[in-house]
Amino acid sequence: MNKKIEYIKFVLPILIIFFWFIFTYTGKVPETSLPKLSSVKNTFFEMIKSGQLYNDLSLSLRRVLGGFFLSSLLGILLGIFMGISHRIKEFFQLTLTAIRQIPMIAWIPLIILWAGIGEVSKIVVILFAATFPIVVNTMSGVDSTSETYLEVAKMYGLSKKDTFFKVYLPSALPNIFTGLRLGLSSSWMAVVASELIASSSGIGYRLNDARSLMRSDVVIVCMIVIGLIGLLMDKLIVLISHELTPWKKN
């Protein structure tokens, strides 16, 4: 039964590739809109051979990792404080909730005015995009810690430090990892959006350049690579989560 469930996840990708093949090789879709699979494959290897894909991807990946790291630190710390302290939660919650309603892409012009079009602006865009899901999930995890566990900790005379590390943190970890996964996804969206609008390098810039040249094959290659790298990074977070929270594997 489990094997059947495992196989199901491959059905949709296979169907997408099948219909892609049918539509492009029967000429029902112009190649400027959707390239043939063979064109995408050839373009992929050409971009690898020229070093173009490596250069663009390494720049974007470095930006994502830098922004995601800072977002994780800020998001987890703020989420913990907001989860533990009602006063801190009340102080930040209204403002953070209002800021969260503004689409990430709407911040990019203002951030460019603040920080220019260099590396700093890309990191700041990622901070705006990725910090909020991490804060919200961390706060939710800490806030939902069982009162029974807290009463037991109090009964055993645990210090605030021990209560945090032995009660709050284990309870919040699954939510923290959920926030990290959402934050990582937001980081990729943010870096691509910022590179599309104001950059002369990176995978987002390459997407925009390919669009202006009507190179749908390059666009598809970039999209597939972003998806695969993002998927691998997400799986890594899931793997770490399973190791640190074995009681929450399901």
C-alpha atoms as a PDB file:
ATOM      1  CA  MET A   1       0.000   0.000   0.000  1.00  0.00           C
ATOM      2  CA  ASN A   2       2.812   2.406   0.935  1.00  0.00           C
ATOM      3  CA  LYS A   3       4.623   1.636  -2.324  1.00  0.00           C
ATOM      4  CA  LYS A   4       1.484   2.493  -4.305  1.00  0.00           C
ATOM      5  CA  ILE A   5       1.234   5.821  -2.478  1.00  0.00           C
ATOM      6  CA  GLU A   6       4.920   6.485  -3.228  1.00  0.00           C
ATOM      7  CA  TYR A   7       4.358   5.873  -6.949  1.00  0.00           C
ATOM      8  CA  ILE A   8       1.339   8.220  -7.116  1.00  0.00           C
ATOM      9  CA  LYS A   9       3.516  11.324  -6.716  1.00  0.00           C
ATOM     10  CA  PHE A  10       5.236  10.555 -10.025  1.00  0.00           C
ATOM     11  CA  VAL A  11       1.989  10.326 -12.007  1.00  0.00           C
ATOM     12  CA  LEU A  12       1.419  14.076 -12.447  1.00  0.00           C
ATOM     13  CA  PRO A  13       4.998  14.904 -13.598  1.00  0.00           C
ATOM     14  CA  ILE A  14       4.814  12.050 -16.134  1.00  0.00           C
ATOM     15  CA  LEU A  15       1.448  13.305 -17.415  1.00  0.00           C
ATOM     16  CA  ILE A  16       2.808  16.855 -17.739  1.00  0.00           C
ATOM     17  CA  ILE A  17       5.802  15.622 -19.761  1.00  0.00           C
ATOM     18  CA  PHE A  18       3.551  13.415 -21.917  1.00  0.00           C
ATOM     19  CA  PHE A  19       1.141  16.213 -22.838  1.00  0.00           C
ATOM     20  CA  TRP A  20       4.050  18.613 -23.306  1.00  0.00           C
ATOM     21  CA  PHE A  21       5.519  16.160 -25.827  1.00  0.00           C
ATOM     22  CA  ILE A  22       2.177  15.727 -27.636  1.00  0.00           C
ATOM     23  CA  PHE A  23       1.378  19.446 -27.910  1.00  0.00           C
ATOM     24  CA  THR A  24       4.838  20.511 -29.087  1.00  0.00           C
ATOM     25  CA  TYR A  25       5.540  17.697 -31.551  1.00  0.00           C
ATOM     26  CA  THR A  26       2.127  17.966 -33.216  1.00  0.00           C
ATOM     27  CA  GLY A  27       2.698  21.677 -33.774  1.00  0.00           C
ATOM     28  CA  LYS A  28      -0.383  22.721 -31.810  1.00  0.00           C
ATOM     29  CA  VAL A  29       1.669  25.188 -29.764  1.00  0.00           C
ATOM     30  CA  PRO A  30       4.235  27.607 -31.279  1.00  0.00           C
ATOM     31  CA  GLU A  31       7.794  27.026 -30.063  1.00  0.00           C
ATOM     32  CA  THR A  32       8.064  30.629 -28.860  1.00  0.00           C
ATOM     33  CA  SER A  33       5.329  29.787 -26.331  1.00  0.00           C
ATOM     34  CA  LEU A  34       6.327  26.233 -25.434  1.00  0.00           C
ATOM     35  CA  PRO A  35       9.575  24.684 -26.738  1.00  0.00           C
ATOM     36  CA  LYS A  36      10.084  21.035 -27.607  1.00  0.00           C
ATOM     37  CA  LEU A  37      11.581  18.778 -24.955  1.00  0.00           C
ATOM     38  CA  SER A  38      14.628  18.239 -27.165  1.00  0.00           C
ATOM     39  CA  SER A  39      15.164  22.022 -27.413  1.00  0.00           C
ATOM     40  CA  VAL A  40      15.018  22.369 -23.629  1.00  0.00           C
ATOM     41  CA  LYS A  41      17.488  19.500 -23.203  1.00  0.00           C
ATOM     42  CA  ASN A  42      19.921  20.974 -25.743  1.00  0.00           C
ATOM     43  CA  THR A  43      19.654  24.444 -24.217  1.00  0.00           C
ATOM     44  CA  PHE A  44      20.255  23.024 -20.736  1.00  0.00           C
ATOM     45  CA  PHE A  45      23.538  21.389 -21.789  1.00  0.00           C
ATOM     46  CA  GLU A  46      24.584  24.476 -23.772  1.00  0.00           C
ATOM     47  CA  MET A  47      24.054  26.676 -20.718  1.00  0.00           C
ATOM     48  CA  ILE A  48      26.060  24.258 -18.575  1.00  0.00           C
ATOM     49  CA  LYS A  49      28.878  24.067 -21.132  1.00  0.00           C
ATOM     50  CA  SER A  50      29.127  27.852 -21.454  1.00  0.00           C
ATOM     51  CA  GLY A  51      29.099  28.300 -17.664  1.00  0.00           C
ATOM     52  CA  GLN A  52      26.114  30.626 -17.943  1.00  0.00           C
ATOM     53  CA  LEU A  53      23.806  28.474 -15.832  1.00  0.00           C
ATOM     54  CA  TYR A  54      26.422  27.971 -13.119  1.00  0.00           C
ATOM     55  CA  ASN A  55      27.198  31.700 -12.891  1.00  0.00           C
ATOM     56  CA  ASP A  56      23.545  32.739 -12.719  1.00  0.00           C
ATOM     57  CA  LEU A  57      22.531  29.997 -10.307  1.00  0.00           C
ATOM     58  CA  SER A  58      25.502  30.462  -7.966  1.00  0.00           C
ATOM     59  CA  LEU A  59      24.751  34.185  -7.631  1.00  0.00           C
ATOM     60  CA  SER A  60      21.057  33.615  -6.925  1.00  0.00           C
ATOM     61  CA  LEU A  61      21.790  30.747  -4.547  1.00  0.00           C
ATOM     62  CA  ARG A  62      24.268  32.859  -2.597  1.00  0.00           C
ATOM     63  CA  ARG A  63      21.658  35.603  -2.273  1.00  0.00           C
ATOM     64  CA  VAL A  64      18.984  33.124  -1.182  1.00  0.00           C
ATOM     65  CA  LEU A  65      21.219  31.483   1.427  1.00  0.00           C
ATOM     66  CA  GLY A  66      22.373  34.836   2.829  1.00  0.00           C
ATOM     67  CA  GLY A  67      18.873  36.275   3.038  1.00  0.00           C
ATOM     68  CA  PHE A  68      17.356  33.036   4.328  1.00  0.00           C
ATOM     69  CA  PHE A  69      19.994  32.735   7.062  1.00  0.00           C
ATOM     70  CA  LEU A  70      19.309  36.266   8.322  1.00  0.00           C
ATOM     71  CA  SER A  71      15.541  35.745   8.031  1.00  0.00           C
ATOM     72  CA  SER A  72      15.791  32.516  10.023  1.00  0.00           C
ATOM     73  CA  LEU A  73      17.743  34.155  12.841  1.00  0.00           C
ATOM     74  CA  LEU A  74      15.442  37.167  13.035  1.00  0.00           C
ATOM     75  CA  GLY A  75      12.234  35.182  12.522  1.00  0.00           C
ATOM     76  CA  ILE A  76      12.978  32.471  15.085  1.00  0.00           C
ATOM     77  CA  LEU A  77      14.172  34.910  17.765  1.00  0.00           C
ATOM     78  CA  LEU A  78      11.249  37.290  17.305  1.00  0.00           C
ATOM     79  CA  GLY A  79       8.777  34.402  17.108  1.00  0.00           C
ATOM     80  CA  ILE A  80      10.100  32.912  20.357  1.00  0.00           C
ATOM     81  CA  PHE A  81       9.866  36.217  22.231  1.00  0.00           C
ATOM     82  CA  MET A  82       6.366  36.871  20.880  1.00  0.00           C
ATOM     83  CA  GLY A  83       5.280  33.347  21.824  1.00  0.00           C
ATOM     84  CA  ILE A  84       6.599  33.545  25.374  1.00  0.00           C
ATOM     85  CA  SER A  85       5.718  37.154  26.211  1.00  0.00           C
ATOM     86  CA  HIS A  86       2.179  38.444  25.723  1.00  0.00           C
ATOM     87  CA  ARG A  87       3.414  42.048  25.963  1.00  0.00           C
ATOM     88  CA  ILE A  88       5.983  41.595  23.199  1.00  0.00           C
ATOM     89  CA  LYS A  89       3.351  39.858  21.080  1.00  0.00           C
ATOM     90  CA  GLU A  90       0.926  42.762  21.520  1.00  0.00           C
ATOM     91  CA  PHE A  91       3.694  45.266  20.768  1.00  0.00           C
ATOM     92  CA  PHE A  92       4.637  43.713  17.405  1.00  0.00           C
ATOM     93  CA  GLN A  93       1.549  41.853  16.199  1.00  0.00           C
ATOM     94  CA  LEU A  94      -0.550  44.706  14.781  1.00  0.00           C
ATOM     95  CA  THR A  95       2.356  46.214  12.828  1.00  0.00           C
ATOM     96  CA  LEU A  96       3.605  42.864  11.531  1.00  0.00           C
ATOM     97  CA  THR A  97       0.097  41.817  10.487  1.00  0.00           C
ATOM     98  CA  ALA A  98      -0.344  45.070   8.545  1.00  0.00           C
ATOM     99  CA  ILE A  99       3.045  44.733   6.821  1.00  0.00           C
ATOM    100  CA  ARG A 100       2.296  41.106   5.900  1.00  0.00           C
ATOM    101  CA  GLN A 101      -0.715  42.219   3.848  1.00  0.00           C
ATOM    102  CA  ILE A 102       1.505  44.194   1.458  1.00  0.00           C
ATOM    103  CA  PRO A 103       2.667  41.961  -1.428  1.00  0.00           C
ATOM    104  CA  MET A 104       6.397  41.323  -1.360  1.00  0.00           C
ATOM    105  CA  ILE A 105       6.862  42.648  -4.898  1.00  0.00           C
ATOM    106  CA  ALA A 106       5.375  46.007  -3.839  1.00  0.00           C
ATOM    107  CA  TRP A 107       8.335  46.551  -1.500  1.00  0.00           C
ATOM    108  CA  ILE A 108      10.952  46.185  -4.236  1.00  0.00           C
ATOM    109  CA  PRO A 109      10.767  49.771  -5.651  1.00  0.00           C
ATOM    110  CA  LEU A 110      11.049  51.259  -2.157  1.00  0.00           C
ATOM    111  CA  ILE A 111      13.916  48.933  -1.209  1.00  0.00           C
ATOM    112  CA  ILE A 112      15.747  49.921  -4.407  1.00  0.00           C
ATOM    113  CA  LEU A 113      15.385  53.585  -3.376  1.00  0.00           C
ATOM    114  CA  TRP A 114      16.796  52.707   0.053  1.00  0.00           C
ATOM    115  CA  ALA A 115      19.598  50.333  -0.912  1.00  0.00           C
ATOM    116  CA  GLY A 116      20.152  50.702  -4.657  1.00  0.00           C
ATOM    117  CA  ILE A 117      20.257  47.755  -7.057  1.00  0.00           C
ATOM    118  CA  GLY A 118      23.251  45.979  -5.524  1.00  0.00           C
ATOM    119  CA  GLU A 119      23.474  42.887  -3.348  1.00  0.00           C
ATOM    120  CA  VAL A 120      22.104  44.602  -0.238  1.00  0.00           C
ATOM    121  CA  SER A 121      18.728  45.266  -1.856  1.00  0.00           C
ATOM    122  CA  LYS A 122      18.342  41.583  -2.829  1.00  0.00           C
ATOM    123  CA  ILE A 123      19.024  40.494   0.758  1.00  0.00           C
ATOM    124  CA  VAL A 124      16.574  43.068   2.145  1.00  0.00           C
ATOM    125  CA  VAL A 125      13.839  41.880  -0.246  1.00  0.00           C
ATOM    126  CA  ILE A 126      14.394  38.299   0.948  1.00  0.00           C
ATOM    127  CA  LEU A 127      14.268  39.487   4.574  1.00  0.00           C
ATOM    128  CA  PHE A 128      10.877  41.095   3.988  1.00  0.00           C
ATOM    129  CA  ALA A 129       9.550  38.003   2.217  1.00  0.00           C
ATOM    130  CA  ALA A 130      10.946  35.177   4.352  1.00  0.00           C
ATOM    131  CA  THR A 131      10.911  36.541   7.905  1.00  0.00           C
ATOM    132  CA  PHE A 132       7.139  36.740   8.349  1.00  0.00           C
ATOM    133  CA  PRO A 133       6.241  33.046   7.815  1.00  0.00           C
ATOM    134  CA  ILE A 134       9.087  32.068  10.148  1.00  0.00           C
ATOM    135  CA  VAL A 135       7.931  34.517  12.844  1.00  0.00           C
ATOM    136  CA  VAL A 136       4.291  33.422  12.624  1.00  0.00           C
ATOM    137  CA  ASN A 137       5.012  29.686  12.746  1.00  0.00           C
ATOM    138  CA  THR A 138       7.607  29.986  15.518  1.00  0.00           C
ATOM    139  CA  MET A 139       5.255  32.125  17.614  1.00  0.00           C
ATOM    140  CA  SER A 140       2.426  29.652  17.018  1.00  0.00           C
ATOM    141  CA  GLY A 141       4.625  26.726  18.075  1.00  0.00           C
ATOM    142  CA  VAL A 142       5.772  28.393  21.293  1.00  0.00           C
ATOM    143  CA  ASP A 143       2.305  29.766  22.049  1.00  0.00           C
ATOM    144  CA  SER A 144       0.681  26.331  21.674  1.00  0.00           C
ATOM    145  CA  THR A 145       2.967  24.641  24.232  1.00  0.00           C
ATOM    146  CA  SER A 146       0.827  22.439  26.461  1.00  0.00           C
ATOM    147  CA  GLU A 147      -0.062  24.009  29.794  1.00  0.00           C
ATOM    148  CA  THR A 148       0.260  20.548  31.342  1.00  0.00           C
ATOM    149  CA  TYR A 149       3.949  20.385  30.372  1.00  0.00           C
ATOM    150  CA  LEU A 150       4.521  23.870  31.777  1.00  0.00           C
ATOM    151  CA  GLU A 151       2.833  22.930  35.058  1.00  0.00           C
ATOM    152  CA  VAL A 152       4.999  19.799  35.336  1.00  0.00           C
ATOM    153  CA  ALA A 153       8.129  21.901  34.675  1.00  0.00           C
ATOM    154  CA  LYS A 154       7.037  24.325  37.388  1.00  0.00           C
ATOM    155  CA  MET A 155       6.318  21.463  39.761  1.00  0.00           C
ATOM    156  CA  TYR A 156       9.846  20.093  39.257  1.00  0.00           C
ATOM    157  CA  GLY A 157      11.291  23.540  39.876  1.00  0.00           C
ATOM    158  CA  LEU A 158      12.868  24.011  36.443  1.00  0.00           C
ATOM    159  CA  SER A 159      14.498  27.371  35.824  1.00  0.00           C
ATOM    160  CA  LYS A 160      13.269  29.624  32.991  1.00  0.00           C
ATOM    161  CA  LYS A 161      16.254  28.547  30.906  1.00  0.00           C
ATOM    162  CA  ASP A 162      15.561  24.826  31.444  1.00  0.00           C
ATOM    163  CA  THR A 163      11.841  25.337  30.843  1.00  0.00           C
ATOM    164  CA  PHE A 164      12.626  26.978  27.511  1.00  0.00           C
ATOM    165  CA  PHE A 165      15.051  24.307  26.287  1.00  0.00           C
ATOM    166  CA  LYS A 166      13.182  21.294  27.697  1.00  0.00           C
ATOM    167  CA  VAL A 167       9.556  22.357  27.188  1.00  0.00           C
ATOM    168  CA  TYR A 168       9.031  25.334  24.872  1.00  0.00           C
ATOM    169  CA  LEU A 169      11.679  24.510  22.261  1.00  0.00           C
ATOM    170  CA  PRO A 170      10.790  20.816  21.697  1.00  0.00           C
ATOM    171  CA  SER A 171       7.126  21.807  21.449  1.00  0.00           C
ATOM    172  CA  ALA A 172       7.846  24.584  18.935  1.00  0.00           C
ATOM    173  CA  LEU A 173      10.390  22.772  16.723  1.00  0.00           C
ATOM    174  CA  PRO A 174       7.877  21.218  14.276  1.00  0.00           C
ATOM    175  CA  ASN A 175       6.286  24.626  13.706  1.00  0.00           C
ATOM    176  CA  ILE A 176       9.690  26.268  13.385  1.00  0.00           C
ATOM    177  CA  PHE A 177      10.649  23.851  10.610  1.00  0.00           C
ATOM    178  CA  THR A 178       7.334  24.495   8.871  1.00  0.00           C
ATOM    179  CA  GLY A 179       8.140  28.206   9.018  1.00  0.00           C
ATOM    180  CA  LEU A 180      11.628  27.567   7.633  1.00  0.00           C
ATOM    181  CA  ARG A 181      10.192  25.640   4.684  1.00  0.00           C
ATOM    182  CA  LEU A 182       7.757  28.458   3.916  1.00  0.00           C
ATOM    183  CA  GLY A 183      10.523  31.012   4.403  1.00  0.00           C
ATOM    184  CA  LEU A 184      12.785  29.166   1.975  1.00  0.00           C
ATOM    185  CA  SER A 185      10.067  29.132  -0.667  1.00  0.00           C
ATOM    186  CA  SER A 186       9.489  32.850  -0.106  1.00  0.00           C
ATOM    187  CA  SER A 187      13.246  33.468  -0.405  1.00  0.00           C
ATOM    188  CA  TRP A 188      13.332  31.989  -3.898  1.00  0.00           C
ATOM    189  CA  MET A 189      10.272  33.972  -4.975  1.00  0.00           C
ATOM    190  CA  ALA A 190      11.823  37.152  -3.584  1.00  0.00           C
ATOM    191  CA  VAL A 191      15.235  36.743  -5.184  1.00  0.00           C
ATOM    192  CA  VAL A 192      13.778  35.923  -8.601  1.00  0.00           C
ATOM    193  CA  ALA A 193      11.368  38.877  -8.395  1.00  0.00           C
ATOM    194  CA  SER A 194      14.132  41.292  -7.376  1.00  0.00           C
ATOM    195  CA  GLU A 195      16.450  40.015 -10.126  1.00  0.00           C
ATOM    196  CA  LEU A 196      13.668  40.328 -12.696  1.00  0.00           C
ATOM    197  CA  ILE A 197      13.121  43.984 -11.819  1.00  0.00           C
ATOM    198  CA  ALA A 198      16.571  45.335 -10.955  1.00  0.00           C
ATOM    199  CA  SER A 199      19.601  43.184 -11.665  1.00  0.00           C
ATOM    200  CA  SER A 200      22.194  42.434 -14.300  1.00  0.00           C
ATOM    201  CA  SER A 201      22.941  38.962 -12.974  1.00  0.00           C
ATOM    202  CA  GLY A 202      21.269  35.925 -11.461  1.00  0.00           C
ATOM    203  CA  ILE A 203      18.638  33.440 -12.541  1.00  0.00           C
ATOM    204  CA  GLY A 204      15.862  36.050 -12.431  1.00  0.00           C
ATOM    205  CA  TYR A 205      17.826  38.337 -14.738  1.00  0.00           C
ATOM    206  CA  ARG A 206      18.356  35.409 -17.120  1.00  0.00           C
ATOM    207  CA  LEU A 207      14.612  34.731 -17.142  1.00  0.00           C
ATOM    208  CA  ASN A 208      13.839  38.336 -18.044  1.00  0.00           C
ATOM    209  CA  ASP A 209      16.559  38.435 -20.689  1.00  0.00           C
ATOM    210  CA  ALA A 210      15.225  35.219 -22.260  1.00  0.00           C
ATOM    211  CA  ARG A 211      11.711  36.634 -22.232  1.00  0.00           C
ATOM    212  CA  SER A 212      12.804  39.738 -24.138  1.00  0.00           C
ATOM    213  CA  LEU A 213      14.557  37.523 -26.713  1.00  0.00           C
ATOM    214  CA  MET A 214      11.540  35.169 -27.025  1.00  0.00           C
ATOM    215  CA  ARG A 215      13.715  32.270 -25.808  1.00  0.00           C
ATOM    216  CA  SER A 216      11.096  30.073 -24.172  1.00  0.00           C
ATOM    217  CA  ASP A 217      13.623  27.219 -23.995  1.00  0.00           C
ATOM    218  CA  VAL A 218      15.897  29.271 -21.706  1.00  0.00           C
ATOM    219  CA  VAL A 219      12.893  30.349 -19.615  1.00  0.00           C
ATOM    220  CA  ILE A 220      11.834  26.714 -19.114  1.00  0.00           C
ATOM    221  CA  VAL A 221      15.390  25.633 -18.235  1.00  0.00           C
ATOM    222  CA  CYS A 222      15.658  28.373 -15.589  1.00  0.00           C
ATOM    223  CA  MET A 223      12.241  27.499 -14.148  1.00  0.00           C
ATOM    224  CA  ILE A 224      13.075  23.786 -13.937  1.00  0.00           C
ATOM    225  CA  VAL A 225      16.439  24.479 -12.280  1.00  0.00           C
ATOM    226  CA  ILE A 226      14.852  26.828  -9.707  1.00  0.00           C
ATOM    227  CA  GLY A 227      12.203  24.197  -8.953  1.00  0.00           C
ATOM    228  CA  LEU A 228      14.737  21.378  -8.550  1.00  0.00           C
ATOM    229  CA  ILE A 229      17.145  23.371  -6.358  1.00  0.00           C
ATOM    230  CA  GLY A 230      14.250  24.605  -4.227  1.00  0.00           C
ATOM    231  CA  LEU A 231      12.922  21.053  -3.909  1.00  0.00           C
ATOM    232  CA  LEU A 232      16.324  19.713  -2.815  1.00  0.00           C
ATOM    233  CA  MET A 233      16.695  22.468  -0.205  1.00  0.00           C
ATOM    234  CA  ASP A 234      13.165  21.802   1.059  1.00  0.00           C
ATOM    235  CA  LYS A 235      13.913  18.069   1.343  1.00  0.00           C
ATOM    236  CA  LEU A 236      17.069  18.889   3.314  1.00  0.00           C
ATOM    237  CA  ILE A 237      15.027  20.903   5.830  1.00  0.00           C
ATOM    238  CA  VAL A 238      12.510  18.037   6.077  1.00  0.00           C
ATOM    239  CA  LEU A 239      15.358  15.572   6.677  1.00  0.00           C
ATOM    240  CA  ILE A 240      16.825  17.729   9.455  1.00  0.00           C
ATOM    241  CA  SER A 241      13.332  18.151  10.906  1.00  0.00           C
ATOM    242  CA  HIS A 242      12.812  14.384  11.017  1.00  0.00           C
ATOM    243  CA  GLU A 243      16.141  13.918  12.777  1.00  0.00           C
ATOM    244  CA  LEU A 244      15.430  16.573  15.413  1.00  0.00           C
ATOM    245  CA  THR A 245      11.711  15.836  15.881  1.00  0.00           C
ATOM    246  CA  PRO A 246      11.328  12.053  15.434  1.00  0.00           C
ATOM    247  CA  TRP A 247       8.001  12.136  17.293  1.00  0.00           C
ATOM    248  CA  LYS A 248       6.518  14.337  14.518  1.00  0.00           C
ATOM    249  CA  LYS A 249       7.566  12.435  11.385  1.00  0.00           C
ATOM    250  CA  ASN A 250       4.025  12.171  10.134  1.00  0.00           C
END
